[in-house]
Protein backbone atom coordinates (compact mmCIF):
# COMPACT_ATOMS: atom_id res chain seq x y z
CA MET A 1 -0.09 -5.36 -20.07
CA LEU A 2 -1.14 -2.05 -21.88
CA ALA A 3 -4.12 -3.89 -23.39
CA ARG A 4 -5.44 -5.56 -19.71
CA GLN A 5 -5.13 -1.65 -18.53
CA ALA A 6 -7.00 -0.27 -20.67
CA VAL A 7 -9.78 -3.13 -20.56
CA PHE A 8 -10.17 -2.37 -16.30
CA GLU A 9 -10.79 1.15 -17.51
CA TYR A 10 -13.04 0.80 -19.75
CA ALA A 11 -14.98 -1.66 -17.24
CA ASN A 12 -14.49 1.05 -14.40
CA LEU A 13 -16.23 3.67 -17.49
CA LEU A 14 -19.80 1.27 -17.97
CA SER A 15 -20.11 0.80 -14.30
CA MET A 16 -20.44 4.27 -13.50
CA SER A 17 -23.62 6.21 -12.81
CA ASP A 18 -24.33 9.40 -15.37
CA LYS A 19 -23.75 11.74 -12.68
CA ASP A 20 -20.36 9.61 -11.88
CA PHE A 21 -19.26 9.95 -15.44
CA GLU A 22 -19.97 13.55 -15.51
CA GLY A 23 -17.78 14.29 -12.76
CA PHE A 24 -15.06 11.89 -14.10
CA LEU A 25 -14.86 13.93 -17.19
CA LYS A 26 -14.91 17.12 -15.33
CA ASN A 27 -11.95 16.44 -13.54
CA TYR A 28 -10.54 15.15 -16.60
CA ARG A 29 -11.00 18.59 -18.43
CA GLU A 30 -9.52 20.69 -15.19
CA LEU A 31 -6.39 18.10 -15.40
CA ARG A 32 -5.83 18.30 -19.13
CA LYS A 33 -6.40 22.09 -18.65
CA LEU A 34 -3.80 22.25 -16.22
CA LEU A 35 -1.22 19.94 -18.45
CA ARG A 36 -1.53 22.59 -20.96
CA THR A 37 -0.84 25.47 -18.96
CA CYS A 38 2.34 23.46 -17.74
CA VAL A 39 3.38 22.90 -21.43
CA GLU A 40 2.34 26.04 -23.17
CA ILE A 41 5.03 28.44 -24.29
CA PRO A 42 4.34 32.36 -23.56
CA GLU A 43 3.47 34.04 -26.91
CA SER A 44 6.20 36.77 -26.25
CA LEU A 45 8.93 33.82 -26.17
CA MET A 46 7.48 32.23 -29.43
CA LYS A 47 7.91 35.95 -31.08
CA ILE A 48 11.60 35.90 -30.17
CA GLY A 49 11.91 32.67 -31.48
CA HIS A 50 10.28 33.32 -34.99
CA LYS A 51 12.76 36.47 -35.17
CA LYS A 52 15.74 34.10 -34.39
CA GLU A 53 14.71 31.71 -37.31
CA GLN A 54 14.35 34.77 -39.84
CA THR A 55 17.70 35.75 -39.25
CA LYS A 56 19.25 32.71 -39.79
């Protein structure tokens, strides 16, 4: 099932114009940036986590 989906995705990418592909990349980068901000751990919490590990 996954292989079939990948083939359709590749076919879609190949059928895009260069302008459409650039738009796709822009949107994909924006999505990736948004997802990364959702899962990033604030630096202040990272420092607290390191302090707890050092006291063990």
